Amino acid sequence: MNKAKIFNGNRVDVHNDNVEKALRTFKKKIQESGKLMELKEKEFYEKPTTKRRRIKNQQVRRAQRRREAEALPKKLY
């Protein structure tokens, strides 16, 4: 029995021969879905310790940005 792969792809329609706008829309959809990041992550093997360190660093950076955004602005004289 031959099983065919079913691809649930992203589709973008081109209106009025505006390919540039359709390409921008496509790139935005791909970026929001996270498929490109997932592909890049799977490109090479990452050791578990390296993965944990990367995730921890991302959490630290995210928390630091959140603290900076919530901080009161410096006094401007």
PDB file of N, CA and C in Angstrom:
ATOM      1  N   MET A   1       0.832  -1.177   0.000  1.00  0.00           N
ATOM      2  CA  MET A   1       0.000   0.000   0.000  1.00  0.00           C
ATOM      3  C   MET A   1       0.886   1.252   0.000  1.00  0.00           C
ATOM      4  N   ASN A   2       0.704   2.105  -0.945  1.00  0.00           N
ATOM      5  CA  ASN A   2       1.506   3.311  -1.093  1.00  0.00           C
ATOM      6  C   ASN A   2       0.798   4.468  -0.398  1.00  0.00           C
ATOM      7  N   LYS A   3       1.420   5.006   0.630  1.00  0.00           N
ATOM      8  CA  LYS A   3       0.830   6.132   1.354  1.00  0.00           C
ATOM      9  C   LYS A   3       1.400   7.427   0.813  1.00  0.00           C
ATOM     10  N   ALA A   4       0.528   8.311   0.436  1.00  0.00           N
ATOM     11  CA  ALA A   4       0.951   9.616  -0.063  1.00  0.00           C
ATOM     12  C   ALA A   4       1.037  10.581   1.111  1.00  0.00           C
ATOM     13  N   LYS A   5       2.064  11.419   1.103  1.00  0.00           N
ATOM     14  CA  LYS A   5       2.193  12.419   2.154  1.00  0.00           C
ATOM     15  C   LYS A   5       1.219  13.553   1.886  1.00  0.00           C
ATOM     16  N   ILE A   6       0.590  14.000   2.939  1.00  0.00           N
ATOM     17  CA  ILE A   6      -0.336  15.120   2.829  1.00  0.00           C
ATOM     18  C   ILE A   6       0.358  16.334   3.431  1.00  0.00           C
ATOM     19  N   PHE A   7       0.525  17.351   2.630  1.00  0.00           N
ATOM     20  CA  PHE A   7       1.168  18.571   3.081  1.00  0.00           C
ATOM     21  C   PHE A   7       0.110  19.624   3.379  1.00  0.00           C
ATOM     22  N   ASN A   8       0.137  20.116   4.594  1.00  0.00           N
ATOM     23  CA  ASN A   8      -0.733  21.228   4.955  1.00  0.00           C
ATOM     24  C   ASN A   8       0.113  22.489   4.828  1.00  0.00           C
ATOM     25  N   GLY A   9       0.189  23.010   3.639  1.00  0.00           N
ATOM     26  CA  GLY A   9       1.067  24.138   3.365  1.00  0.00           C
ATOM     27  C   GLY A   9       0.377  25.470   3.548  1.00  0.00           C
ATOM     28  N   ASN A  10       1.186  26.509   3.468  1.00  0.00           N
ATOM     29  CA  ASN A  10       0.676  27.871   3.517  1.00  0.00           C
ATOM     30  C   ASN A  10       0.404  28.323   2.100  1.00  0.00           C
ATOM     31  N   ARG A  11      -0.687  29.030   1.930  1.00  0.00           N
ATOM     32  CA  ARG A  11      -1.073  29.479   0.606  1.00  0.00           C
ATOM     33  C   ARG A  11      -1.251  30.993   0.611  1.00  0.00           C
ATOM     34  N   VAL A  12      -0.696  31.620  -0.406  1.00  0.00           N
ATOM     35  CA  VAL A  12      -0.816  33.064  -0.561  1.00  0.00           C
ATOM     36  C   VAL A  12      -1.258  33.338  -1.984  1.00  0.00           C
ATOM     37  N   ASP A  13      -2.299  34.120  -2.138  1.00  0.00           N
ATOM     38  CA  ASP A  13      -2.801  34.459  -3.464  1.00  0.00           C
ATOM     39  C   ASP A  13      -2.152  35.747  -3.958  1.00  0.00           C
ATOM     40  N   VAL A  14      -1.876  35.801  -5.253  1.00  0.00           N
ATOM     41  CA  VAL A  14      -1.292  36.985  -5.879  1.00  0.00           C
ATOM     42  C   VAL A  14      -2.422  37.749  -6.564  1.00  0.00           C
ATOM     43  N   HIS A  15      -2.596  39.003  -6.161  1.00  0.00           N
ATOM     44  CA  HIS A  15      -3.637  39.842  -6.747  1.00  0.00           C
ATOM     45  C   HIS A  15      -3.002  40.955  -7.572  1.00  0.00           C
ATOM     46  N   ASN A  16      -3.538  41.216  -8.725  1.00  0.00           N
ATOM     47  CA  ASN A  16      -3.090  42.307  -9.603  1.00  0.00           C
ATOM     48  C   ASN A  16      -1.590  42.221  -9.918  1.00  0.00           C
ATOM     49  N   ASP A  17      -1.087  41.033 -10.118  1.00  0.00           N
ATOM     50  CA  ASP A  17       0.329  40.814 -10.453  1.00  0.00           C
ATOM     51  C   ASP A  17       1.280  41.438  -9.433  1.00  0.00           C
ATOM     52  N   ASN A  18       0.864  41.513  -8.177  1.00  0.00           N
ATOM     53  CA  ASN A  18       1.701  42.099  -7.131  1.00  0.00           C
ATOM     54  C   ASN A  18       2.410  40.969  -6.387  1.00  0.00           C
ATOM     55  N   VAL A  19       3.473  40.453  -7.005  1.00  0.00           N
ATOM     56  CA  VAL A  19       4.201  39.318  -6.448  1.00  0.00           C
ATOM     57  C   VAL A  19       4.973  39.727  -5.204  1.00  0.00           C
ATOM     58  N   GLU A  20       5.498  40.960  -5.172  1.00  0.00           N
ATOM     59  CA  GLU A  20       6.273  41.418  -4.021  1.00  0.00           C
ATOM     60  C   GLU A  20       5.423  41.416  -2.762  1.00  0.00           C
ATOM     61  N   LYS A  21       4.189  41.879  -2.861  1.00  0.00           N
ATOM     62  CA  LYS A  21       3.304  41.904  -1.695  1.00  0.00           C
ATOM     63  C   LYS A  21       2.961  40.480  -1.255  1.00  0.00           C
ATOM     64  N   ALA A  22       2.734  39.594  -2.219  1.00  0.00           N
ATOM     65  CA  ALA A  22       2.425  38.206  -1.894  1.00  0.00           C
ATOM     66  C   ALA A  22       3.617  37.539  -1.213  1.00  0.00           C
ATOM     67  N   LEU A  23       4.830  37.852  -1.663  1.00  0.00           N
ATOM     68  CA  LEU A  23       6.029  37.290  -1.062  1.00  0.00           C
ATOM     69  C   LEU A  23       6.208  37.783   0.375  1.00  0.00           C
ATOM     70  N   ARG A  24       5.950  39.079   0.604  1.00  0.00           N
ATOM     71  CA  ARG A  24       6.028  39.619   1.962  1.00  0.00           C
ATOM     72  C   ARG A  24       5.019  38.935   2.868  1.00  0.00           C
ATOM     73  N   THR A  25       3.803  38.723   2.354  1.00  0.00           N
ATOM     74  CA  THR A  25       2.762  38.050   3.128  1.00  0.00           C
ATOM     75  C   THR A  25       3.172  36.621   3.451  1.00  0.00           C
ATOM     76  N   PHE A  26       3.745  35.928   2.472  1.00  0.00           N
ATOM     77  CA  PHE A  26       4.191  34.558   2.677  1.00  0.00           C
ATOM     78  C   PHE A  26       5.281  34.488   3.741  1.00  0.00           C
ATOM     79  N   LYS A  27       6.276  35.396   3.642  1.00  0.00           N
ATOM     80  CA  LYS A  27       7.351  35.414   4.623  1.00  0.00           C
ATOM     81  C   LYS A  27       6.818  35.680   6.027  1.00  0.00           C
ATOM     82  N   LYS A  28       5.836  36.567   6.130  1.00  0.00           N
ATOM     83  CA  LYS A  28       5.245  36.874   7.433  1.00  0.00           C
ATOM     84  C   LYS A  28       4.527  35.654   8.005  1.00  0.00           C
ATOM     85  N   LYS A  29       3.800  34.926   7.158  1.00  0.00           N
ATOM     86  CA  LYS A  29       3.107  33.726   7.612  1.00  0.00           C
ATOM     87  C   LYS A  29       4.095  32.672   8.096  1.00  0.00           C
ATOM     88  N   ILE A  30       5.173  32.480   7.360  1.00  0.00           N
ATOM     89  CA  ILE A  30       6.188  31.499   7.733  1.00  0.00           C
ATOM     90  C   ILE A  30       6.849  31.900   9.050  1.00  0.00           C
ATOM     91  N   GLN A  31       7.144  33.185   9.193  1.00  0.00           N
ATOM     92  CA  GLN A  31       7.788  33.672  10.421  1.00  0.00           C
ATOM     93  C   GLN A  31       6.882  33.458  11.621  1.00  0.00           C
ATOM     94  N   GLU A  32       5.584  33.762  11.478  1.00  0.00           N
ATOM     95  CA  GLU A  32       4.641  33.622  12.591  1.00  0.00           C
ATOM     96  C   GLU A  32       4.418  32.162  12.958  1.00  0.00           C
ATOM     97  N   SER A  33       4.471  31.277  11.978  1.00  0.00           N
ATOM     98  CA  SER A  33       4.210  29.866  12.269  1.00  0.00           C
ATOM     99  C   SER A  33       5.393  29.206  12.967  1.00  0.00           C
ATOM    100  N   GLY A  34       6.599  29.758  12.822  1.00  0.00           N
ATOM    101  CA  GLY A  34       7.777  29.200  13.474  1.00  0.00           C
ATOM    102  C   GLY A  34       8.396  28.041  12.715  1.00  0.00           C
ATOM    103  N   LYS A  35       7.946  27.786  11.506  1.00  0.00           N
ATOM    104  CA  LYS A  35       8.468  26.663  10.725  1.00  0.00           C
ATOM    105  C   LYS A  35       9.929  26.874  10.338  1.00  0.00           C
ATOM    106  N   LEU A  36      10.322  28.100  10.063  1.00  0.00           N
ATOM    107  CA  LEU A  36      11.698  28.371   9.667  1.00  0.00           C
ATOM    108  C   LEU A  36      12.651  28.133  10.831  1.00  0.00           C
ATOM    109  N   MET A  37      12.278  28.576  12.031  1.00  0.00           N
ATOM    110  CA  MET A  37      13.110  28.347  13.201  1.00  0.00           C
ATOM    111  C   MET A  37      13.214  26.855  13.500  1.00  0.00           C
ATOM    112  N   GLU A  38      12.109  26.151  13.354  1.00  0.00           N
ATOM    113  CA  GLU A  38      12.094  24.710  13.589  1.00  0.00           C
ATOM    114  C   GLU A  38      13.033  24.000  12.609  1.00  0.00           C
ATOM    115  N   LEU A  39      13.018  24.423  11.372  1.00  0.00           N
ATOM    116  CA  LEU A  39      13.889  23.836  10.358  1.00  0.00           C
ATOM    117  C   LEU A  39      15.355  24.093  10.678  1.00  0.00           C
ATOM    118  N   LYS A  40      15.682  25.320  11.087  1.00  0.00           N
ATOM    119  CA  LYS A  40      17.058  25.662  11.429  1.00  0.00           C
ATOM    120  C   LYS A  40      17.526  24.884  12.648  1.00  0.00           C
ATOM    121  N   GLU A  41      16.626  24.672  13.628  1.00  0.00           N
ATOM    122  CA  GLU A  41      17.000  23.920  14.824  1.00  0.00           C
ATOM    123  C   GLU A  41      17.291  22.466  14.496  1.00  0.00           C
ATOM    124  N   LYS A  42      16.574  21.905  13.546  1.00  0.00           N
ATOM    125  CA  LYS A  42      16.751  20.501  13.200  1.00  0.00           C
ATOM    126  C   LYS A  42      17.870  20.271  12.195  1.00  0.00           C
ATOM    127  N   GLU A  43      18.477  21.336  11.707  1.00  0.00           N
ATOM    128  CA  GLU A  43      19.509  21.201  10.685  1.00  0.00           C
ATOM    129  C   GLU A  43      20.743  20.485  11.231  1.00  0.00           C
ATOM    130  N   PHE A  44      21.126  20.792  12.462  1.00  0.00           N
ATOM    131  CA  PHE A  44      22.290  20.179  13.085  1.00  0.00           C
ATOM    132  C   PHE A  44      21.895  19.627  14.449  1.00  0.00           C
ATOM    133  N   TYR A  45      22.606  18.600  14.879  1.00  0.00           N
ATOM    134  CA  TYR A  45      22.361  18.028  16.201  1.00  0.00           C
ATOM    135  C   TYR A  45      22.876  18.982  17.262  1.00  0.00           C
ATOM    136  N   GLU A  46      22.076  19.165  18.293  1.00  0.00           N
ATOM    137  CA  GLU A  46      22.469  20.021  19.400  1.00  0.00           C
ATOM    138  C   GLU A  46      22.497  19.176  20.668  1.00  0.00           C
ATOM    139  N   LYS A  47      23.614  19.195  21.353  1.00  0.00           N
ATOM    140  CA  LYS A  47      23.739  18.397  22.561  1.00  0.00           C
ATOM    141  C   LYS A  47      22.733  18.883  23.600  1.00  0.00           C
ATOM    142  N   PRO A  48      22.223  17.985  24.429  1.00  0.00           N
ATOM    143  CA  PRO A  48      21.230  18.382  25.439  1.00  0.00           C
ATOM    144  C   PRO A  48      21.726  19.475  26.379  1.00  0.00           C
ATOM    145  N   THR A  49      23.006  19.434  26.757  1.00  0.00           N
ATOM    146  CA  THR A  49      23.517  20.475  27.648  1.00  0.00           C
ATOM    147  C   THR A  49      23.536  21.830  26.944  1.00  0.00           C
ATOM    148  N   THR A  50      23.884  21.836  25.677  1.00  0.00           N
ATOM    149  CA  THR A  50      23.891  23.084  24.911  1.00  0.00           C
ATOM    150  C   THR A  50      22.478  23.621  24.750  1.00  0.00           C
ATOM    151  N   LYS A  51      21.535  22.721  24.524  1.00  0.00           N
ATOM    152  CA  LYS A  51      20.140  23.121  24.373  1.00  0.00           C
ATOM    153  C   LYS A  51      19.616  23.740  25.667  1.00  0.00           C
ATOM    154  N   ARG A  52      19.925  23.113  26.804  1.00  0.00           N
ATOM    155  CA  ARG A  52      19.470  23.657  28.092  1.00  0.00           C
ATOM    156  C   ARG A  52      20.069  25.029  28.345  1.00  0.00           C
ATOM    157  N   ARG A  53      21.363  25.183  28.022  1.00  0.00           N
ATOM    158  CA  ARG A  53      22.028  26.467  28.222  1.00  0.00           C
ATOM    159  C   ARG A  53      21.405  27.551  27.343  1.00  0.00           C
ATOM    160  N   ARG A  54      21.105  27.197  26.083  1.00  0.00           N
ATOM    161  CA  ARG A  54      20.501  28.166  25.157  1.00  0.00           C
ATOM    162  C   ARG A  54      19.128  28.602  25.651  1.00  0.00           C
ATOM    163  N   ILE A  55      18.314  27.638  26.095  1.00  0.00           N
ATOM    164  CA  ILE A  55      16.976  27.950  26.587  1.00  0.00           C
ATOM    165  C   ILE A  55      17.044  28.818  27.838  1.00  0.00           C
ATOM    166  N   LYS A  56      17.979  28.496  28.748  1.00  0.00           N
ATOM    167  CA  LYS A  56      18.152  29.285  29.967  1.00  0.00           C
ATOM    168  C   LYS A  56      18.553  30.719  29.635  1.00  0.00           C
ATOM    169  N   ASN A  57      19.480  30.885  28.687  1.00  0.00           N
ATOM    170  CA  ASN A  57      19.894  32.233  28.279  1.00  0.00           C
ATOM    171  C   ASN A  57      18.740  33.015  27.669  1.00  0.00           C
ATOM    172  N   GLN A  58      17.896  32.347  26.891  1.00  0.00           N
ATOM    173  CA  GLN A  58      16.727  33.010  26.315  1.00  0.00           C
ATOM    174  C   GLN A  58      15.787  33.478  27.414  1.00  0.00           C
ATOM    175  N   GLN A  59      15.591  32.642  28.443  1.00  0.00           N
ATOM    176  CA  GLN A  59      14.715  33.015  29.550  1.00  0.00           C
ATOM    177  C   GLN A  59      15.270  34.216  30.297  1.00  0.00           C
ATOM    178  N   VAL A  60      16.577  34.233  30.520  1.00  0.00           N
ATOM    179  CA  VAL A  60      17.213  35.345  31.231  1.00  0.00           C
ATOM    180  C   VAL A  60      17.056  36.635  30.443  1.00  0.00           C
ATOM    181  N   ARG A  61      17.306  36.574  29.132  1.00  0.00           N
ATOM    182  CA  ARG A  61      17.167  37.767  28.289  1.00  0.00           C
ATOM    183  C   ARG A  61      15.733  38.278  28.269  1.00  0.00           C
ATOM    184  N   ARG A  62      14.779  37.341  28.167  1.00  0.00           N
ATOM    185  CA  ARG A  62      13.361  37.716  28.145  1.00  0.00           C
ATOM    186  C   ARG A  62      12.968  38.402  29.453  1.00  0.00           C
ATOM    187  N   ALA A  63      13.421  37.857  30.590  1.00  0.00           N
ATOM    188  CA  ALA A  63      13.109  38.441  31.887  1.00  0.00           C
ATOM    189  C   ALA A  63      13.752  39.820  32.032  1.00  0.00           C
ATOM    190  N   GLN A  64      14.977  39.963  31.532  1.00  0.00           N
ATOM    191  CA  GLN A  64      15.673  41.244  31.614  1.00  0.00           C
ATOM    192  C   GLN A  64      14.951  42.311  30.784  1.00  0.00           C
ATOM    193  N   ARG A  65      14.509  41.944  29.580  1.00  0.00           N
ATOM    194  CA  ARG A  65      13.756  42.901  28.756  1.00  0.00           C
ATOM    195  C   ARG A  65      12.458  43.297  29.427  1.00  0.00           C
ATOM    196  N   ARG A  66      11.792  42.322  30.069  1.00  0.00           N
ATOM    197  CA  ARG A  66      10.537  42.609  30.752  1.00  0.00           C
ATOM    198  C   ARG A  66      10.765  43.575  31.917  1.00  0.00           C
ATOM    199  N   ARG A  67      11.852  43.349  32.689  1.00  0.00           N
ATOM    200  CA  ARG A  67      12.175  44.246  33.799  1.00  0.00           C
ATOM    201  C   ARG A  67      12.479  45.656  33.294  1.00  0.00           C
ATOM    202  N   GLU A  68      13.231  45.754  32.196  1.00  0.00           N
ATOM    203  CA  GLU A  68      13.562  47.067  31.647  1.00  0.00           C
ATOM    204  C   GLU A  68      12.315  47.789  31.152  1.00  0.00           C
ATOM    205  N   ALA A  69      11.369  47.048  30.578  1.00  0.00           N
ATOM    206  CA  ALA A  69      10.149  47.670  30.072  1.00  0.00           C
ATOM    207  C   ALA A  69       9.265  48.161  31.216  1.00  0.00           C
ATOM    208  N   GLU A  70       9.293  47.446  32.351  1.00  0.00           N
ATOM    209  CA  GLU A  70       8.462  47.833  33.486  1.00  0.00           C
ATOM    210  C   GLU A  70       9.114  48.879  34.365  1.00  0.00           C
ATOM    211  N   ALA A  71      10.409  49.116  34.211  1.00  0.00           N
ATOM    212  CA  ALA A  71      11.137  50.056  35.053  1.00  0.00           C
ATOM    213  C   ALA A  71      10.683  51.481  34.763  1.00  0.00           C
ATOM    214  N   LEU A  72      10.777  52.293  35.796  1.00  0.00           N
ATOM    215  CA  LEU A  72      10.439  53.698  35.622  1.00  0.00           C
ATOM    216  C   LEU A  72      11.497  54.368  34.758  1.00  0.00           C
ATOM    217  N   PRO A  73      11.101  55.336  33.953  1.00  0.00           N
ATOM    218  CA  PRO A  73      12.087  56.015  33.101  1.00  0.00           C
ATOM    219  C   PRO A  73      13.040  56.864  33.955  1.00  0.00           C
ATOM    220  N   LYS A  74      14.256  57.032  33.452  1.00  0.00           N
ATOM    221  CA  LYS A  74      15.242  57.863  34.148  1.00  0.00           C
ATOM    222  C   LYS A  74      14.768  59.314  34.099  1.00  0.00           C
ATOM    223  N   LYS A  75      15.119  60.035  35.133  1.00  0.00           N
ATOM    224  CA  LYS A  75      14.740  61.442  35.174  1.00  0.00           C
ATOM    225  C   LYS A  75      15.521  62.205  34.118  1.00  0.00           C
ATOM    226  N   LEU A  76      14.817  62.985  33.369  1.00  0.00           N
ATOM    227  CA  LEU A  76      15.457  63.824  32.373  1.00  0.00           C
ATOM    228  C   LEU A  76      15.353  65.272  32.849  1.00  0.00           C
ATOM    229  N   TYR A  77      16.462  65.901  33.137  1.00  0.00           N
ATOM    230  CA  TYR A  77      16.468  67.263  33.649  1.00  0.00           C
ATOM    231  C   TYR A  77      16.580  68.223  32.512  1.00  0.00           C
TER     232      TYR A  77
END
